[in-house]
């Protein structure tokens, strides 16, 4: 059965072992400049700022099960500037490639629910 729209798989604290890469310590970030501009206009968030979601020690990582069958896509939910930011990304050859970021209610709900489970 195909995943429904918005379906995700949560990884929580075990993301580094599940995804098989060393998280923020070795991470390099990249993004398309045009997509960054579009994201800033639409959501008020630059990808440069969105990198900070990955630095949140309580971040939550989820796989996007309802998107691309060509490559895995993920969400990072992390606290930035007092709010919970959602960052959409892929992971390619030791590079986190961001393609969306914003402060969305669903991301905050997932983050807060996961934090309650792990406290």
PDB file of N, CA and C in Angstrom:
ATOM      1  N   UNK A   1       0.845  -1.176   0.000  1.00  0.00           N
ATOM      2  CA  UNK A   1       0.000   0.000   0.000  1.00  0.00           C
ATOM      3  C   UNK A   1       0.889   1.238   0.000  1.00  0.00           C
ATOM      4  N   UNK A   2       0.555   2.232  -0.806  1.00  0.00           N
ATOM      5  CA  UNK A   2       1.330   3.473  -0.890  1.00  0.00           C
ATOM      6  C   UNK A   2       1.065   4.332   0.341  1.00  0.00           C
ATOM      7  N   UNK A   3       2.096   5.052   0.821  1.00  0.00           N
ATOM      8  CA  UNK A   3       1.899   5.934   1.963  1.00  0.00           C
ATOM      9  C   UNK A   3       0.910   7.043   1.611  1.00  0.00           C
ATOM     10  N   UNK A   4       0.165   7.482   2.612  1.00  0.00           N
ATOM     11  CA  UNK A   4      -0.772   8.578   2.405  1.00  0.00           C
ATOM     12  C   UNK A   4      -0.029   9.899   2.404  1.00  0.00           C
ATOM     13  N   UNK A   5      -0.671  10.929   1.870  1.00  0.00           N
ATOM     14  CA  UNK A   5      -0.058  12.261   1.844  1.00  0.00           C
ATOM     15  C   UNK A   5       0.309  12.673   3.260  1.00  0.00           C
ATOM     16  N   UNK A   6       1.513  13.161   3.418  1.00  0.00           N
ATOM     17  CA  UNK A   6       1.979  13.610   4.727  1.00  0.00           C
ATOM     18  C   UNK A   6       2.491  12.500   5.621  1.00  0.00           C
ATOM     19  N   UNK A   7       2.576  11.281   5.127  1.00  0.00           N
ATOM     20  CA  UNK A   7       3.049  10.165   5.940  1.00  0.00           C
ATOM     21  C   UNK A   7       4.534  10.323   6.229  1.00  0.00           C
ATOM     22  N   UNK A   8       4.900  10.078   7.487  1.00  0.00           N
ATOM     23  CA  UNK A   8       6.306  10.185   7.889  1.00  0.00           C
ATOM     24  C   UNK A   8       6.682   9.009   8.771  1.00  0.00           C
ATOM     25  N   UNK A   9       7.988   8.753   8.866  1.00  0.00           N
ATOM     26  CA  UNK A   9       8.544   7.783   9.808  1.00  0.00           C
ATOM     27  C   UNK A   9       9.484   8.556  10.716  1.00  0.00           C
ATOM     28  N   UNK A  10       9.209   8.567  12.005  1.00  0.00           N
ATOM     29  CA  UNK A  10      10.026   9.305  12.960  1.00  0.00           C
ATOM     30  C   UNK A  10      11.266   8.514  13.337  1.00  0.00           C
ATOM     31  N   UNK A  11      12.388   9.231  13.452  1.00  0.00           N
ATOM     32  CA  UNK A  11      13.629   8.616  13.893  1.00  0.00           C
ATOM     33  C   UNK A  11      14.064   9.099  15.267  1.00  0.00           C
ATOM     34  N   UNK A  12      13.608  10.263  15.703  1.00  0.00           N
ATOM     35  CA  UNK A  12      13.952  10.755  17.021  1.00  0.00           C
ATOM     36  C   UNK A  12      15.440  10.810  17.264  1.00  0.00           C
ATOM     37  N   UNK A  13      15.867  10.329  18.426  1.00  0.00           N
ATOM     38  CA  UNK A  13      17.271  10.422  18.838  1.00  0.00           C
ATOM     39  C   UNK A  13      18.191   9.471  18.078  1.00  0.00           C
ATOM     40  N   UNK A  14      17.634   8.482  17.409  1.00  0.00           N
ATOM     41  CA  UNK A  14      18.489   7.491  16.758  1.00  0.00           C
ATOM     42  C   UNK A  14      18.770   7.819  15.296  1.00  0.00           C
ATOM     43  N   UNK A  15      18.505   9.029  14.883  1.00  0.00           N
ATOM     44  CA  UNK A  15      18.629   9.385  13.459  1.00  0.00           C
ATOM     45  C   UNK A  15      20.026   9.122  12.915  1.00  0.00           C
ATOM     46  N   UNK A  16      21.051   9.422  13.679  1.00  0.00           N
ATOM     47  CA  UNK A  16      22.393   9.249  13.129  1.00  0.00           C
ATOM     48  C   UNK A  16      22.691   7.790  12.823  1.00  0.00           C
ATOM     49  N   UNK A  17      22.235   6.879  13.668  1.00  0.00           N
ATOM     50  CA  UNK A  17      22.493   5.465  13.382  1.00  0.00           C
ATOM     51  C   UNK A  17      21.565   4.939  12.295  1.00  0.00           C
ATOM     52  N   UNK A  18      20.326   5.377  12.281  1.00  0.00           N
ATOM     53  CA  UNK A  18      19.382   4.909  11.279  1.00  0.00           C
ATOM     54  C   UNK A  18      19.784   5.376   9.889  1.00  0.00           C
ATOM     55  N   UNK A  19      20.159   6.641   9.759  1.00  0.00           N
ATOM     56  CA  UNK A  19      20.489   7.189   8.458  1.00  0.00           C
ATOM     57  C   UNK A  19      21.928   6.897   8.063  1.00  0.00           C
ATOM     58  N   UNK A  20      22.742   6.475   8.999  1.00  0.00           N
ATOM     59  CA  UNK A  20      24.084   6.047   8.666  1.00  0.00           C
ATOM     60  C   UNK A  20      25.063   7.173   8.402  1.00  0.00           C
ATOM     61  N   UNK A  21      24.890   8.320   9.009  1.00  0.00           N
ATOM     62  CA  UNK A  21      25.864   9.395   8.836  1.00  0.00           C
ATOM     63  C   UNK A  21      25.996  10.179  10.126  1.00  0.00           C
ATOM     64  N   UNK A  22      27.155  10.811  10.287  1.00  0.00           N
ATOM     65  CA  UNK A  22      27.398  11.636  11.472  1.00  0.00           C
ATOM     66  C   UNK A  22      26.700  12.970  11.267  1.00  0.00           C
ATOM     67  N   UNK A  23      25.834  13.294  12.145  1.00  0.00           N
ATOM     68  CA  UNK A  23      24.955  14.458  11.983  1.00  0.00           C
ATOM     69  C   UNK A  23      25.696  15.764  11.810  1.00  0.00           C
ATOM     70  N   UNK A  24      25.445  16.681  12.667  1.00  0.00           N
ATOM     71  CA  UNK A  24      25.875  18.064  12.478  1.00  0.00           C
ATOM     72  C   UNK A  24      27.385  18.229  12.467  1.00  0.00           C
ATOM     73  N   UNK A  25      28.088  17.417  13.204  1.00  0.00           N
ATOM     74  CA  UNK A  25      29.541  17.585  13.305  1.00  0.00           C
ATOM     75  C   UNK A  25      30.228  17.549  11.941  1.00  0.00           C
ATOM     76  N   UNK A  26      29.772  16.671  11.068  1.00  0.00           N
ATOM     77  CA  UNK A  26      30.416  16.538   9.762  1.00  0.00           C
ATOM     78  C   UNK A  26      29.566  17.095   8.629  1.00  0.00           C
ATOM     79  N   UNK A  27      28.385  17.585   8.955  1.00  0.00           N
ATOM     80  CA  UNK A  27      27.439  17.990   7.910  1.00  0.00           C
ATOM     81  C   UNK A  27      27.895  19.237   7.168  1.00  0.00           C
ATOM     82  N   UNK A  28      27.722  19.163   5.864  1.00  0.00           N
ATOM     83  CA  UNK A  28      27.841  20.342   5.013  1.00  0.00           C
ATOM     84  C   UNK A  28      26.456  20.596   4.473  1.00  0.00           C
ATOM     85  N   UNK A  29      26.138  21.848   4.269  1.00  0.00           N
ATOM     86  CA  UNK A  29      24.811  22.210   3.786  1.00  0.00           C
ATOM     87  C   UNK A  29      24.927  22.854   2.418  1.00  0.00           C
ATOM     88  N   UNK A  30      23.917  22.608   1.597  1.00  0.00           N
ATOM     89  CA  UNK A  30      23.835  23.296   0.318  1.00  0.00           C
ATOM     90  C   UNK A  30      22.369  23.483  -0.039  1.00  0.00           C
ATOM     91  N   UNK A  31      22.146  24.407  -0.962  1.00  0.00           N
ATOM     92  CA  UNK A  31      20.801  24.672  -1.441  1.00  0.00           C
ATOM     93  C   UNK A  31      20.885  25.470  -2.722  1.00  0.00           C
ATOM     94  N   UNK A  32      19.798  25.460  -3.445  1.00  0.00           N
ATOM     95  CA  UNK A  32      19.664  26.232  -4.667  1.00  0.00           C
ATOM     96  C   UNK A  32      19.321  27.675  -4.286  1.00  0.00           C
ATOM     97  N   UNK A  33      20.079  28.636  -4.810  1.00  0.00           N
ATOM     98  CA  UNK A  33      19.881  30.050  -4.455  1.00  0.00           C
ATOM     99  C   UNK A  33      18.483  30.539  -4.833  1.00  0.00           C
ATOM    100  N   UNK A  34      17.977  30.100  -5.963  1.00  0.00           N
ATOM    101  CA  UNK A  34      16.630  30.512  -6.367  1.00  0.00           C
ATOM    102  C   UNK A  34      15.574  29.938  -5.434  1.00  0.00           C
ATOM    103  N   UNK A  35      15.748  28.694  -5.026  1.00  0.00           N
ATOM    104  CA  UNK A  35      14.819  28.061  -4.094  1.00  0.00           C
ATOM    105  C   UNK A  35      14.873  28.750  -2.735  1.00  0.00           C
ATOM    106  N   UNK A  36      16.061  29.173  -2.323  1.00  0.00           N
ATOM    107  CA  UNK A  36      16.219  29.908  -1.069  1.00  0.00           C
ATOM    108  C   UNK A  36      15.443  31.224  -1.119  1.00  0.00           C
ATOM    109  N   UNK A  37      15.586  31.948  -2.196  1.00  0.00           N
ATOM    110  CA  UNK A  37      14.870  33.219  -2.360  1.00  0.00           C
ATOM    111  C   UNK A  37      13.361  32.990  -2.337  1.00  0.00           C
ATOM    112  N   UNK A  38      12.926  31.983  -3.051  1.00  0.00           N
ATOM    113  CA  UNK A  38      11.501  31.640  -3.083  1.00  0.00           C
ATOM    114  C   UNK A  38      10.998  31.287  -1.686  1.00  0.00           C
ATOM    115  N   UNK A  39      11.794  30.505  -0.935  1.00  0.00           N
ATOM    116  CA  UNK A  39      11.422  30.117   0.423  1.00  0.00           C
ATOM    117  C   UNK A  39      11.335  31.328   1.344  1.00  0.00           C
ATOM    118  N   UNK A  40      12.277  32.265   1.207  1.00  0.00           N
ATOM    119  CA  UNK A  40      12.247  33.475   2.028  1.00  0.00           C
ATOM    120  C   UNK A  40      10.990  34.297   1.755  1.00  0.00           C
ATOM    121  N   UNK A  41      10.627  34.418   0.487  1.00  0.00           N
ATOM    122  CA  UNK A  41       9.431  35.182   0.138  1.00  0.00           C
ATOM    123  C   UNK A  41       8.158  34.492   0.625  1.00  0.00           C
ATOM    124  N   UNK A  42       8.119  33.184   0.505  1.00  0.00           N
ATOM    125  CA  UNK A  42       6.912  32.433   0.849  1.00  0.00           C
ATOM    126  C   UNK A  42       6.765  32.184   2.347  1.00  0.00           C
ATOM    127  N   UNK A  43       7.894  31.861   3.024  1.00  0.00           N
ATOM    128  CA  UNK A  43       7.835  31.443   4.423  1.00  0.00           C
ATOM    129  C   UNK A  43       8.619  32.335   5.386  1.00  0.00           C
ATOM    130  N   UNK A  44       9.362  33.311   4.854  1.00  0.00           N
ATOM    131  CA  UNK A  44      10.106  34.226   5.714  1.00  0.00           C
ATOM    132  C   UNK A  44      11.321  33.615   6.384  1.00  0.00           C
ATOM    133  N   UNK A  45      11.848  32.530   5.828  1.00  0.00           N
ATOM    134  CA  UNK A  45      12.985  31.832   6.429  1.00  0.00           C
ATOM    135  C   UNK A  45      14.040  31.587   5.359  1.00  0.00           C
ATOM    136  N   UNK A  46      15.288  31.983   5.645  1.00  0.00           N
ATOM    137  CA  UNK A  46      16.397  31.681   4.740  1.00  0.00           C
ATOM    138  C   UNK A  46      16.952  30.303   5.073  1.00  0.00           C
ATOM    139  N   UNK A  47      17.541  29.661   4.089  1.00  0.00           N
ATOM    140  CA  UNK A  47      18.156  28.366   4.342  1.00  0.00           C
ATOM    141  C   UNK A  47      19.391  28.510   5.230  1.00  0.00           C
ATOM    142  N   UNK A  48      20.054  29.647   5.158  1.00  0.00           N
ATOM    143  CA  UNK A  48      21.192  29.878   6.060  1.00  0.00           C
ATOM    144  C   UNK A  48      20.728  29.816   7.514  1.00  0.00           C
ATOM    145  N   UNK A  49      19.569  30.387   7.803  1.00  0.00           N
ATOM    146  CA  UNK A  49      19.022  30.357   9.159  1.00  0.00           C
ATOM    147  C   UNK A  49      18.513  28.953   9.504  1.00  0.00           C
ATOM    148  N   UNK A  50      17.950  28.283   8.505  1.00  0.00           N
ATOM    149  CA  UNK A  50      17.362  26.958   8.724  1.00  0.00           C
ATOM    150  C   UNK A  50      18.394  25.928   9.191  1.00  0.00           C
ATOM    151  N   UNK A  51      19.665  26.145   8.886  1.00  0.00           N
ATOM    152  CA  UNK A  51      20.711  25.216   9.325  1.00  0.00           C
ATOM    153  C   UNK A  51      20.703  25.022  10.836  1.00  0.00           C
ATOM    154  N   UNK A  52      20.276  26.055  11.559  1.00  0.00           N
ATOM    155  CA  UNK A  52      20.309  26.002  13.019  1.00  0.00           C
ATOM    156  C   UNK A  52      19.349  24.958  13.592  1.00  0.00           C
ATOM    157  N   UNK A  53      18.339  24.546  12.830  1.00  0.00           N
ATOM    158  CA  UNK A  53      17.432  23.496  13.317  1.00  0.00           C
ATOM    159  C   UNK A  53      18.200  22.204  13.573  1.00  0.00           C
ATOM    160  N   UNK A  54      19.235  21.953  12.785  1.00  0.00           N
ATOM    161  CA  UNK A  54      20.034  20.735  12.939  1.00  0.00           C
ATOM    162  C   UNK A  54      20.921  20.792  14.180  1.00  0.00           C
ATOM    163  N   UNK A  55      21.160  21.982  14.709  1.00  0.00           N
ATOM    164  CA  UNK A  55      22.008  22.139  15.890  1.00  0.00           C
ATOM    165  C   UNK A  55      21.242  21.933  17.189  1.00  0.00           C
ATOM    166  N   UNK A  56      19.926  21.874  17.126  1.00  0.00           N
ATOM    167  CA  UNK A  56      19.113  21.641  18.319  1.00  0.00           C
ATOM    168  C   UNK A  56      19.384  20.223  18.818  1.00  0.00           C
ATOM    169  N   UNK A  57      19.888  20.070  20.045  1.00  0.00           N
ATOM    170  CA  UNK A  57      20.176  18.721  20.544  1.00  0.00           C
ATOM    171  C   UNK A  57      18.912  17.869  20.692  1.00  0.00           C
ATOM    172  N   UNK A  58      17.740  18.493  20.722  1.00  0.00           N
ATOM    173  CA  UNK A  58      16.474  17.770  20.838  1.00  0.00           C
ATOM    174  C   UNK A  58      15.766  17.620  19.495  1.00  0.00           C
ATOM    175  N   UNK A  59      16.476  17.907  18.392  1.00  0.00           N
ATOM    176  CA  UNK A  59      15.844  17.841  17.070  1.00  0.00           C
ATOM    177  C   UNK A  59      15.224  16.468  16.849  1.00  0.00           C
ATOM    178  N   UNK A  60      14.242  16.446  15.962  1.00  0.00           N
ATOM    179  CA  UNK A  60      13.580  15.204  15.581  1.00  0.00           C
ATOM    180  C   UNK A  60      13.722  15.077  14.066  1.00  0.00           C
ATOM    181  N   UNK A  61      14.090  13.899  13.614  1.00  0.00           N
ATOM    182  CA  UNK A  61      14.234  13.636  12.186  1.00  0.00           C
ATOM    183  C   UNK A  61      13.145  12.648  11.777  1.00  0.00           C
ATOM    184  N   UNK A  62      12.522  12.919  10.639  1.00  0.00           N
ATOM    185  CA  UNK A  62      11.492  12.021  10.118  1.00  0.00           C
ATOM    186  C   UNK A  62      11.710  11.837   8.623  1.00  0.00           C
ATOM    187  N   UNK A  63      11.446  10.650   8.149  1.00  0.00           N
ATOM    188  CA  UNK A  63      11.513  10.382   6.716  1.00  0.00           C
ATOM    189  C   UNK A  63      10.160  10.718   6.090  1.00  0.00           C
ATOM    190  N   UNK A  64      10.183  11.383   4.961  1.00  0.00           N
ATOM    191  CA  UNK A  64       8.968  11.710   4.215  1.00  0.00           C
ATOM    192  C   UNK A  64       8.619  10.497   3.356  1.00  0.00           C
ATOM    193  N   UNK A  65       7.608   9.756   3.767  1.00  0.00           N
ATOM    194  CA  UNK A  65       7.235   8.524   3.066  1.00  0.00           C
ATOM    195  C   UNK A  65       6.312   8.780   1.876  1.00  0.00           C
ATOM    196  N   UNK A  66       5.777   9.986   1.787  1.00  0.00           N
ATOM    197  CA  UNK A  66       4.777  10.261   0.758  1.00  0.00           C
ATOM    198  C   UNK A  66       5.343  10.997  -0.447  1.00  0.00           C
ATOM    199  N   UNK A  67       6.663  11.159  -0.482  1.00  0.00           N
ATOM    200  CA  UNK A  67       7.245  11.935  -1.583  1.00  0.00           C
ATOM    201  C   UNK A  67       8.108  11.060  -2.477  1.00  0.00           C
ATOM    202  N   UNK A  68       9.017  11.678  -3.131  1.00  0.00           N
ATOM    203  CA  UNK A  68       9.869  11.101  -4.173  1.00  0.00           C
ATOM    204  C   UNK A  68      10.225   9.636  -3.956  1.00  0.00           C
ATOM    205  N   UNK A  69      10.029   8.834  -4.996  1.00  0.00           N
ATOM    206  CA  UNK A  69      10.480   7.448  -4.935  1.00  0.00           C
ATOM    207  C   UNK A  69      11.917   7.338  -5.440  1.00  0.00           C
ATOM    208  N   UNK A  70      12.425   8.413  -6.042  1.00  0.00           N
ATOM    209  CA  UNK A  70      13.784   8.425  -6.580  1.00  0.00           C
ATOM    210  C   UNK A  70      14.842   8.567  -5.490  1.00  0.00           C
ATOM    211  N   UNK A  71      14.569   9.395  -4.503  1.00  0.00           N
ATOM    212  CA  UNK A  71      15.533   9.586  -3.414  1.00  0.00           C
ATOM    213  C   UNK A  71      14.775   9.817  -2.124  1.00  0.00           C
ATOM    214  N   UNK A  72      15.399   9.448  -1.019  1.00  0.00           N
ATOM    215  CA  UNK A  72      14.765   9.640   0.275  1.00  0.00           C
ATOM    216  C   UNK A  72      14.773  11.116   0.640  1.00  0.00           C
ATOM    217  N   UNK A  73      13.662  11.548   1.204  1.00  0.00           N
ATOM    218  CA  UNK A  73      13.532  12.927   1.692  1.00  0.00           C
ATOM    219  C   UNK A  73      13.194  12.868   3.170  1.00  0.00           C
ATOM    220  N   UNK A  74      13.638  13.903   3.876  1.00  0.00           N
ATOM    221  CA  UNK A  74      13.494  13.929   5.321  1.00  0.00           C
ATOM    222  C   UNK A  74      12.997  15.288   5.790  1.00  0.00           C
ATOM    223  N   UNK A  75      12.568  15.291   7.051  1.00  0.00           N
ATOM    224  CA  UNK A  75      12.244  16.515   7.766  1.00  0.00           C
ATOM    225  C   UNK A  75      13.148  16.587   8.994  1.00  0.00           C
ATOM    226  N   UNK A  76      13.589  17.772   9.312  1.00  0.00           N
ATOM    227  CA  UNK A  76      14.248  18.037  10.585  1.00  0.00           C
ATOM    228  C   UNK A  76      13.370  19.035  11.317  1.00  0.00           C
ATOM    229  N   UNK A  77      12.942  18.686  12.515  1.00  0.00           N
ATOM    230  CA  UNK A  77      12.166  19.586  13.365  1.00  0.00           C
ATOM    231  C   UNK A  77      13.094  20.018  14.496  1.00  0.00           C
ATOM    232  N   UNK A  78      13.408  21.305  14.567  1.00  0.00           N
ATOM    233  CA  UNK A  78      14.326  21.780  15.590  1.00  0.00           C
ATOM    234  C   UNK A  78      14.012  23.199  16.008  1.00  0.00           C
ATOM    235  N   UNK A  79      14.380  23.514  17.243  1.00  0.00           N
ATOM    236  CA  UNK A  79      14.090  24.848  17.787  1.00  0.00           C
ATOM    237  C   UNK A  79      15.095  25.867  17.246  1.00  0.00           C
ATOM    238  N   UNK A  80      14.535  26.965  16.696  1.00  0.00           N
ATOM    239  CA  UNK A  80      15.337  28.074  16.165  1.00  0.00           C
ATOM    240  C   UNK A  80      14.617  29.366  16.524  1.00  0.00           C
ATOM    241  N   UNK A  81      15.330  30.278  17.159  1.00  0.00           N
ATOM    242  CA  UNK A  81      14.765  31.593  17.498  1.00  0.00           C
ATOM    243  C   UNK A  81      13.465  31.499  18.284  1.00  0.00           C
ATOM    244  N   UNK A  82      13.375  30.533  19.195  1.00  0.00           N
ATOM    245  CA  UNK A  82      12.214  30.431  20.068  1.00  0.00           C
ATOM    246  C   UNK A  82      11.027  29.685  19.480  1.00  0.00           C
ATOM    247  N   UNK A  83      11.101  29.281  18.214  1.00  0.00           N
ATOM    248  CA  UNK A  83      10.033  28.506  17.594  1.00  0.00           C
ATOM    249  C   UNK A  83      10.576  27.196  17.071  1.00  0.00           C
ATOM    250  N   UNK A  84       9.688  26.308  16.672  1.00  0.00           N
ATOM    251  CA  UNK A  84      10.111  25.032  16.108  1.00  0.00           C
ATOM    252  C   UNK A  84      10.049  25.141  14.590  1.00  0.00           C
ATOM    253  N   UNK A  85      11.200  25.010  13.964  1.00  0.00           N
ATOM    254  CA  UNK A  85      11.306  25.111  12.517  1.00  0.00           C
ATOM    255  C   UNK A  85      11.286  23.711  11.910  1.00  0.00           C
ATOM    256  N   UNK A  86      10.636  23.609  10.767  1.00  0.00           N
ATOM    257  CA  UNK A  86      10.633  22.383   9.982  1.00  0.00           C
ATOM    258  C   UNK A  86      11.503  22.624   8.758  1.00  0.00           C
ATOM    259  N   UNK A  87      12.469  21.742   8.532  1.00  0.00           N
ATOM    260  CA  UNK A  87      13.350  21.835   7.367  1.00  0.00           C
ATOM    261  C   UNK A  87      13.176  20.570   6.540  1.00  0.00           C
ATOM    262  N   UNK A  88      12.888  20.739   5.265  1.00  0.00           N
ATOM    263  CA  UNK A  88      12.791  19.605   4.338  1.00  0.00           C
ATOM    264  C   UNK A  88      14.138  19.471   3.637  1.00  0.00           C
ATOM    265  N   UNK A  89      14.645  18.214   3.563  1.00  0.00           N
ATOM    266  CA  UNK A  89      15.982  18.033   3.002  1.00  0.00           C
ATOM    267  C   UNK A  89      16.179  16.632   2.454  1.00  0.00           C
ATOM    268  N   UNK A  90      17.248  16.496   1.691  1.00  0.00           N
ATOM    269  CA  UNK A  90      17.755  15.204   1.261  1.00  0.00           C
ATOM    270  C   UNK A  90      19.187  15.098   1.764  1.00  0.00           C
ATOM    271  N   UNK A  91      19.721  13.906   1.710  1.00  0.00           N
ATOM    272  CA  UNK A  91      21.099  13.685   2.126  1.00  0.00           C
ATOM    273  C   UNK A  91      21.822  13.020   0.973  1.00  0.00           C
ATOM    274  N   UNK A  92      22.800  13.725   0.407  1.00  0.00           N
ATOM    275  CA  UNK A  92      23.534  13.242  -0.765  1.00  0.00           C
ATOM    276  C   UNK A  92      25.032  13.358  -0.520  1.00  0.00           C
ATOM    277  N   UNK A  93      25.708  12.265  -0.526  1.00  0.00           N
ATOM    278  CA  UNK A  93      27.178  12.254  -0.439  1.00  0.00           C
ATOM    279  C   UNK A  93      27.702  13.187   0.647  1.00  0.00           C
ATOM    280  N   UNK A  94      27.279  12.968   1.871  1.00  0.00           N
ATOM    281  CA  UNK A  94      27.730  13.739   3.035  1.00  0.00           C
ATOM    282  C   UNK A  94      27.312  15.206   2.999  1.00  0.00           C
ATOM    283  N   UNK A  95      26.277  15.536   2.237  1.00  0.00           N
ATOM    284  CA  UNK A  95      25.779  16.909   2.158  1.00  0.00           C
ATOM    285  C   UNK A  95      24.283  16.904   2.431  1.00  0.00           C
ATOM    286  N   UNK A  96      23.867  17.772   3.327  1.00  0.00           N
ATOM    287  CA  UNK A  96      22.447  17.990   3.572  1.00  0.00           C
ATOM    288  C   UNK A  96      21.995  19.067   2.596  1.00  0.00           C
ATOM    289  N   UNK A  97      21.108  18.701   1.679  1.00  0.00           N
ATOM    290  CA  UNK A  97      20.596  19.639   0.678  1.00  0.00           C
ATOM    291  C   UNK A  97      19.182  20.031   1.082  1.00  0.00           C
ATOM    292  N   UNK A  98      19.030  21.294   1.472  1.00  0.00           N
ATOM    293  CA  UNK A  98      17.740  21.802   1.924  1.00  0.00           C
ATOM    294  C   UNK A  98      16.929  22.316   0.745  1.00  0.00           C
ATOM    295  N   UNK A  99      15.630  22.072   0.790  1.00  0.00           N
ATOM    296  CA  UNK A  99      14.754  22.589  -0.266  1.00  0.00           C
ATOM    297  C   UNK A  99      13.462  23.181   0.273  1.00  0.00           C
ATOM    298  N   UNK A 100      13.320  23.267   1.576  1.00  0.00           N
ATOM    299  CA  UNK A 100      12.156  23.922   2.160  1.00  0.00           C
ATOM    300  C   UNK A 100      12.366  24.131   3.649  1.00  0.00           C
ATOM    301  N   UNK A 101      11.845  25.243   4.176  1.00  0.00           N
ATOM    302  CA  UNK A 101      11.952  25.514   5.615  1.00  0.00           C
ATOM    303  C   UNK A 101      10.893  26.523   6.016  1.00  0.00           C
ATOM    304  N   UNK A 102      10.395  26.350   7.219  1.00  0.00           N
ATOM    305  CA  UNK A 102       9.420  27.295   7.736  1.00  0.00           C
ATOM    306  C   UNK A 102       8.965  26.885   9.119  1.00  0.00           C
ATOM    307  N   UNK A 103       8.157  27.716   9.715  1.00  0.00           N
ATOM    308  CA  UNK A 103       7.560  27.444  11.018  1.00  0.00           C
ATOM    309  C   UNK A 103       6.134  26.972  10.760  1.00  0.00           C
ATOM    310  N   UNK A 104       5.929  25.643  10.822  1.00  0.00           N
ATOM    311  CA  UNK A 104       4.629  25.070  10.516  1.00  0.00           C
ATOM    312  C   UNK A 104       4.078  24.345  11.728  1.00  0.00           C
ATOM    313  N   UNK A 105       2.795  24.491  11.921  1.00  0.00           N
ATOM    314  CA  UNK A 105       2.104  23.928  13.090  1.00  0.00           C
ATOM    315  C   UNK A 105       2.343  22.417  13.223  1.00  0.00           C
ATOM    316  N   UNK A 106       2.263  21.687  12.127  1.00  0.00           N
ATOM    317  CA  UNK A 106       2.443  20.235  12.210  1.00  0.00           C
ATOM    318  C   UNK A 106       3.850  19.875  12.703  1.00  0.00           C
ATOM    319  N   UNK A 107       4.859  20.597  12.251  1.00  0.00           N
ATOM    320  CA  UNK A 107       6.221  20.344  12.713  1.00  0.00           C
ATOM    321  C   UNK A 107       6.361  20.574  14.205  1.00  0.00           C
ATOM    322  N   UNK A 108       5.759  21.652  14.690  1.00  0.00           N
ATOM    323  CA  UNK A 108       5.802  21.937  16.132  1.00  0.00           C
ATOM    324  C   UNK A 108       5.114  20.834  16.922  1.00  0.00           C
ATOM    325  N   UNK A 109       3.982  20.345  16.417  1.00  0.00           N
ATOM    326  CA  UNK A 109       3.245  19.282  17.106  1.00  0.00           C
ATOM    327  C   UNK A 109       4.063  17.995  17.179  1.00  0.00           C
ATOM    328  N   UNK A 110       4.703  17.639  16.091  1.00  0.00           N
ATOM    329  CA  UNK A 110       5.544  16.430  16.069  1.00  0.00           C
ATOM    330  C   UNK A 110       6.706  16.579  17.040  1.00  0.00           C
ATOM    331  N   UNK A 111       7.369  17.728  16.996  1.00  0.00           N
ATOM    332  CA  UNK A 111       8.510  18.000  17.881  1.00  0.00           C
ATOM    333  C   UNK A 111       8.094  17.885  19.344  1.00  0.00           C
ATOM    334  N   UNK A 112       6.996  18.549  19.688  1.00  0.00           N
ATOM    335  CA  UNK A 112       6.552  18.551  21.090  1.00  0.00           C
ATOM    336  C   UNK A 112       6.108  17.168  21.539  1.00  0.00           C
ATOM    337  N   UNK A 113       5.446  16.435  20.680  1.00  0.00           N
ATOM    338  CA  UNK A 113       5.019  15.071  21.026  1.00  0.00           C
ATOM    339  C   UNK A 113       6.242  14.175  21.264  1.00  0.00           C
ATOM    340  N   UNK A 114       7.244  14.265  20.416  1.00  0.00           N
ATOM    341  CA  UNK A 114       8.453  13.458  20.567  1.00  0.00           C
ATOM    342  C   UNK A 114       9.229  13.840  21.819  1.00  0.00           C
ATOM    343  N   UNK A 115       9.263  15.104  22.134  1.00  0.00           N
ATOM    344  CA  UNK A 115       9.960  15.546  23.353  1.00  0.00           C
ATOM    345  C   UNK A 115       9.290  14.968  24.584  1.00  0.00           C
ATOM    346  N   UNK A 116       7.962  14.900  24.609  1.00  0.00           N
ATOM    347  CA  UNK A 116       7.243  14.330  25.747  1.00  0.00           C
ATOM    348  C   UNK A 116       7.567  12.852  25.908  1.00  0.00           C
ATOM    349  N   UNK A 117       7.681  12.154  24.795  1.00  0.00           N
ATOM    350  CA  UNK A 117       7.991  10.715  24.824  1.00  0.00           C
ATOM    351  C   UNK A 117       9.373  10.476  25.418  1.00  0.00           C
ATOM    352  N   UNK A 118      10.340  11.365  25.116  1.00  0.00           N
ATOM    353  CA  UNK A 118      11.726  11.148  25.536  1.00  0.00           C
ATOM    354  C   UNK A 118      12.086  11.808  26.854  1.00  0.00           C
ATOM    355  N   UNK A 119      11.168  12.527  27.460  1.00  0.00           N
ATOM    356  CA  UNK A 119      11.492  13.184  28.748  1.00  0.00           C
ATOM    357  C   UNK A 119      11.289  12.256  29.917  1.00  0.00           C
TER     358      UNK A 119
END
